Amino acid sequence: MESTAKDVSIGKPSPPSRAEWNRIAESKAFRDLMAVKKVFIVPAFIFFVVYYFALPVLVGYAPQFMATKVAGQVNLAYLFALSQFFMAWIIAALYVRAANGFDRLSKDILEKAENPKGGK
């Protein structure tokens, strides 16, 4: 294929043409990759949005509970707000771990696109 020929100046494959991209995008392997990504991304997004908006909702509807002192002047609202930073880092770390799998699947798809007959 013309689009997978190596560019001598940089040693990387050239990007796929529109026709090749359409063929790749319509393949079962690509649709499976998108489905696998969706299985991770959608629940993670929903969880984080609910977690993020739980703080203002709880402060608005349960102010006495959120004002409960934990240590000195630190109350549950402050701890919950700080926990959002950690939750964002945890979700990011989980995504990085999942993305390694996505990258392997992507690499397989690209290798098949470069050599559709299976031989190397």
C-alpha atoms as a PDB file:
ATOM      1  CA  MET A   1       0.000   0.000   0.000  1.00  0.00           C
ATOM      2  CA  GLU A   2       1.217   3.421  -0.852  1.00  0.00           C
ATOM      3  CA  SER A   3       0.220   5.059   2.449  1.00  0.00           C
ATOM      4  CA  THR A   4       2.173   2.618   4.600  1.00  0.00           C
ATOM      5  CA  ALA A   5       5.451   3.113   2.779  1.00  0.00           C
ATOM      6  CA  LYS A   6       8.114   4.484   5.083  1.00  0.00           C
ATOM      7  CA  ASP A   7       9.088   8.103   4.696  1.00  0.00           C
ATOM      8  CA  VAL A   8      12.871   7.927   4.412  1.00  0.00           C
ATOM      9  CA  SER A   9      13.358  11.368   5.952  1.00  0.00           C
ATOM     10  CA  ILE A  10      11.710  10.480   9.293  1.00  0.00           C
ATOM     11  CA  GLY A  11      11.438   6.682   9.253  1.00  0.00           C
ATOM     12  CA  LYS A  12       7.719   6.619  10.098  1.00  0.00           C
ATOM     13  CA  PRO A  13       4.805   5.300   8.069  1.00  0.00           C
ATOM     14  CA  SER A  14       2.832   7.959   6.255  1.00  0.00           C
ATOM     15  CA  PRO A  15      -0.749   8.482   7.464  1.00  0.00           C
ATOM     16  CA  PRO A  16      -3.480   6.406   5.849  1.00  0.00           C
ATOM     17  CA  SER A  17      -5.464   7.831   2.951  1.00  0.00           C
ATOM     18  CA  ARG A  18      -9.146   8.641   3.379  1.00  0.00           C
ATOM     19  CA  ALA A  19     -10.130   5.376   1.672  1.00  0.00           C
ATOM     20  CA  GLU A  20      -7.820   3.355   3.920  1.00  0.00           C
ATOM     21  CA  TRP A  21      -9.108   5.173   7.000  1.00  0.00           C
ATOM     22  CA  ASN A  22     -12.707   4.410   5.992  1.00  0.00           C
ATOM     23  CA  ARG A  23     -11.809   0.744   5.504  1.00  0.00           C
ATOM     24  CA  ILE A  24     -10.119   0.633   8.930  1.00  0.00           C
ATOM     25  CA  ALA A  25     -13.000   2.481  10.626  1.00  0.00           C
ATOM     26  CA  GLU A  26     -15.515   0.024   9.189  1.00  0.00           C
ATOM     27  CA  SER A  27     -13.571  -3.057  10.304  1.00  0.00           C
ATOM     28  CA  LYS A  28     -14.821  -5.273  13.112  1.00  0.00           C
ATOM     29  CA  ALA A  29     -11.526  -4.886  15.000  1.00  0.00           C
ATOM     30  CA  PHE A  30     -11.869  -1.087  15.033  1.00  0.00           C
ATOM     31  CA  ARG A  31     -15.506  -1.237  16.131  1.00  0.00           C
ATOM     32  CA  ASP A  32     -14.454  -3.647  18.891  1.00  0.00           C
ATOM     33  CA  LEU A  33     -11.725  -1.221  19.992  1.00  0.00           C
ATOM     34  CA  MET A  34     -14.247   1.620  20.208  1.00  0.00           C
ATOM     35  CA  ALA A  35     -16.630  -0.599  22.190  1.00  0.00           C
ATOM     36  CA  VAL A  36     -13.874  -1.579  24.633  1.00  0.00           C
ATOM     37  CA  LYS A  37     -12.932   2.067  25.122  1.00  0.00           C
ATOM     38  CA  LYS A  38     -16.572   2.976  25.656  1.00  0.00           C
ATOM     39  CA  VAL A  39     -16.920   0.300  28.356  1.00  0.00           C
ATOM     40  CA  PHE A  40     -14.226   2.090  30.372  1.00  0.00           C
ATOM     41  CA  ILE A  41     -14.765   5.741  29.493  1.00  0.00           C
ATOM     42  CA  VAL A  42     -18.541   6.075  29.917  1.00  0.00           C
ATOM     43  CA  PRO A  43     -18.773   4.570  33.446  1.00  0.00           C
ATOM     44  CA  ALA A  44     -15.633   6.446  34.555  1.00  0.00           C
ATOM     45  CA  PHE A  45     -17.081   9.716  33.251  1.00  0.00           C
ATOM     46  CA  ILE A  46     -20.469   9.141  34.888  1.00  0.00           C
ATOM     47  CA  PHE A  47     -18.851   8.164  38.198  1.00  0.00           C
ATOM     48  CA  PHE A  48     -16.630  11.232  38.246  1.00  0.00           C
ATOM     49  CA  VAL A  49     -19.424  13.662  37.307  1.00  0.00           C
ATOM     50  CA  VAL A  50     -21.661  12.247  40.049  1.00  0.00           C
ATOM     51  CA  TYR A  51     -18.755  12.327  42.523  1.00  0.00           C
ATOM     52  CA  TYR A  52     -17.868  15.901  41.526  1.00  0.00           C
ATOM     53  CA  PHE A  53     -21.416  17.247  41.854  1.00  0.00           C
ATOM     54  CA  ALA A  54     -22.045  15.343  45.094  1.00  0.00           C
ATOM     55  CA  LEU A  55     -20.088  17.996  47.025  1.00  0.00           C
ATOM     56  CA  PRO A  56     -22.245  21.017  46.144  1.00  0.00           C
ATOM     57  CA  VAL A  57     -25.409  18.922  46.415  1.00  0.00           C
ATOM     58  CA  LEU A  58     -24.451  17.625  49.869  1.00  0.00           C
ATOM     59  CA  VAL A  59     -23.363  21.072  51.044  1.00  0.00           C
ATOM     60  CA  GLY A  60     -26.690  22.476  49.817  1.00  0.00           C
ATOM     61  CA  TYR A  61     -29.011  19.736  51.093  1.00  0.00           C
ATOM     62  CA  ALA A  62     -27.106  18.371  54.120  1.00  0.00           C
ATOM     63  CA  PRO A  63     -25.127  21.325  55.464  1.00  0.00           C
ATOM     64  CA  GLN A  64     -25.091  20.084  59.060  1.00  0.00           C
ATOM     65  CA  PHE A  65     -23.695  16.731  57.979  1.00  0.00           C
ATOM     66  CA  MET A  66     -21.002  18.305  55.797  1.00  0.00           C
ATOM     67  CA  ALA A  67     -20.099  20.719  58.621  1.00  0.00           C
ATOM     68  CA  THR A  68     -19.268  17.788  60.916  1.00  0.00           C
ATOM     69  CA  LYS A  69     -15.799  18.429  62.324  1.00  0.00           C
ATOM     70  CA  VAL A  70     -13.268  15.675  61.683  1.00  0.00           C
ATOM     71  CA  ALA A  71     -10.084  17.209  63.112  1.00  0.00           C
ATOM     72  CA  GLY A  72      -9.834  20.763  64.431  1.00  0.00           C
ATOM     73  CA  GLN A  73     -11.435  23.107  61.901  1.00  0.00           C
ATOM     74  CA  VAL A  74     -11.407  20.453  59.147  1.00  0.00           C
ATOM     75  CA  ASN A  75     -14.906  19.239  58.337  1.00  0.00           C
ATOM     76  CA  LEU A  76     -16.350  16.607  55.994  1.00  0.00           C
ATOM     77  CA  ALA A  77     -16.860  19.157  53.221  1.00  0.00           C
ATOM     78  CA  TYR A  78     -13.124  19.983  53.163  1.00  0.00           C
ATOM     79  CA  LEU A  79     -12.194  16.293  53.158  1.00  0.00           C
ATOM     80  CA  PHE A  80     -14.659  15.559  50.383  1.00  0.00           C
ATOM     81  CA  ALA A  81     -13.298  18.458  48.318  1.00  0.00           C
ATOM     82  CA  LEU A  82      -9.725  17.217  48.785  1.00  0.00           C
ATOM     83  CA  SER A  83     -10.779  13.670  47.921  1.00  0.00           C
ATOM     84  CA  GLN A  84     -11.828  14.897  44.481  1.00  0.00           C
ATOM     85  CA  PHE A  85      -8.175  15.536  43.623  1.00  0.00           C
ATOM     86  CA  PHE A  86      -7.261  12.001  44.614  1.00  0.00           C
ATOM     87  CA  MET A  87     -10.241  10.586  42.751  1.00  0.00           C
ATOM     88  CA  ALA A  88      -9.174  12.422  39.583  1.00  0.00           C
ATOM     89  CA  TRP A  89      -5.650  10.997  39.934  1.00  0.00           C
ATOM     90  CA  ILE A  90      -7.010   7.480  40.548  1.00  0.00           C
ATOM     91  CA  ILE A  91      -9.271   7.655  37.484  1.00  0.00           C
ATOM     92  CA  ALA A  92      -6.366   9.015  35.417  1.00  0.00           C
ATOM     93  CA  ALA A  93      -4.115   6.163  36.594  1.00  0.00           C
ATOM     94  CA  LEU A  94      -6.814   3.609  35.763  1.00  0.00           C
ATOM     95  CA  TYR A  95      -7.222   5.168  32.328  1.00  0.00           C
ATOM     96  CA  VAL A  96      -3.469   5.014  31.680  1.00  0.00           C
ATOM     97  CA  ARG A  97      -3.535   1.325  32.593  1.00  0.00           C
ATOM     98  CA  ALA A  98      -6.545   0.705  30.343  1.00  0.00           C
ATOM     99  CA  ALA A  99      -5.000   2.800  27.552  1.00  0.00           C
ATOM    100  CA  ASN A 100      -2.072   0.381  27.381  1.00  0.00           C
ATOM    101  CA  GLY A 101      -4.572  -2.267  26.314  1.00  0.00           C
ATOM    102  CA  PHE A 102      -6.193   0.150  23.862  1.00  0.00           C
ATOM    103  CA  ASP A 103      -2.754   0.843  22.392  1.00  0.00           C
ATOM    104  CA  ARG A 104      -2.095  -2.875  21.875  1.00  0.00           C
ATOM    105  CA  LEU A 105      -5.423  -3.254  20.085  1.00  0.00           C
ATOM    106  CA  SER A 106      -4.690  -0.159  17.979  1.00  0.00           C
ATOM    107  CA  LYS A 107      -1.272  -1.512  17.052  1.00  0.00           C
ATOM    108  CA  ASP A 108      -2.844  -4.799  15.933  1.00  0.00           C
ATOM    109  CA  ILE A 109      -5.378  -2.911  13.806  1.00  0.00           C
ATOM    110  CA  LEU A 110      -2.633  -0.828  12.174  1.00  0.00           C
ATOM    111  CA  GLU A 111      -0.455  -3.882  11.516  1.00  0.00           C
ATOM    112  CA  LYS A 112      -3.390  -5.619   9.831  1.00  0.00           C
ATOM    113  CA  ALA A 113      -4.071  -2.485   7.770  1.00  0.00           C
ATOM    114  CA  GLU A 114      -0.450  -2.311   6.648  1.00  0.00           C
ATOM    115  CA  ASN A 115      -0.383  -5.954   5.672  1.00  0.00           C
ATOM    116  CA  PRO A 116      -3.959  -7.184   5.083  1.00  0.00           C
ATOM    117  CA  LYS A 117      -2.850 -10.644   3.902  1.00  0.00           C
ATOM    118  CA  GLY A 118      -1.309 -11.441   7.316  1.00  0.00           C
ATOM    119  CA  GLY A 119       2.270 -12.041   6.158  1.00  0.00           C
ATOM    120  CA  LYS A 120       5.105  -9.866   7.349  1.00  0.00           C
END
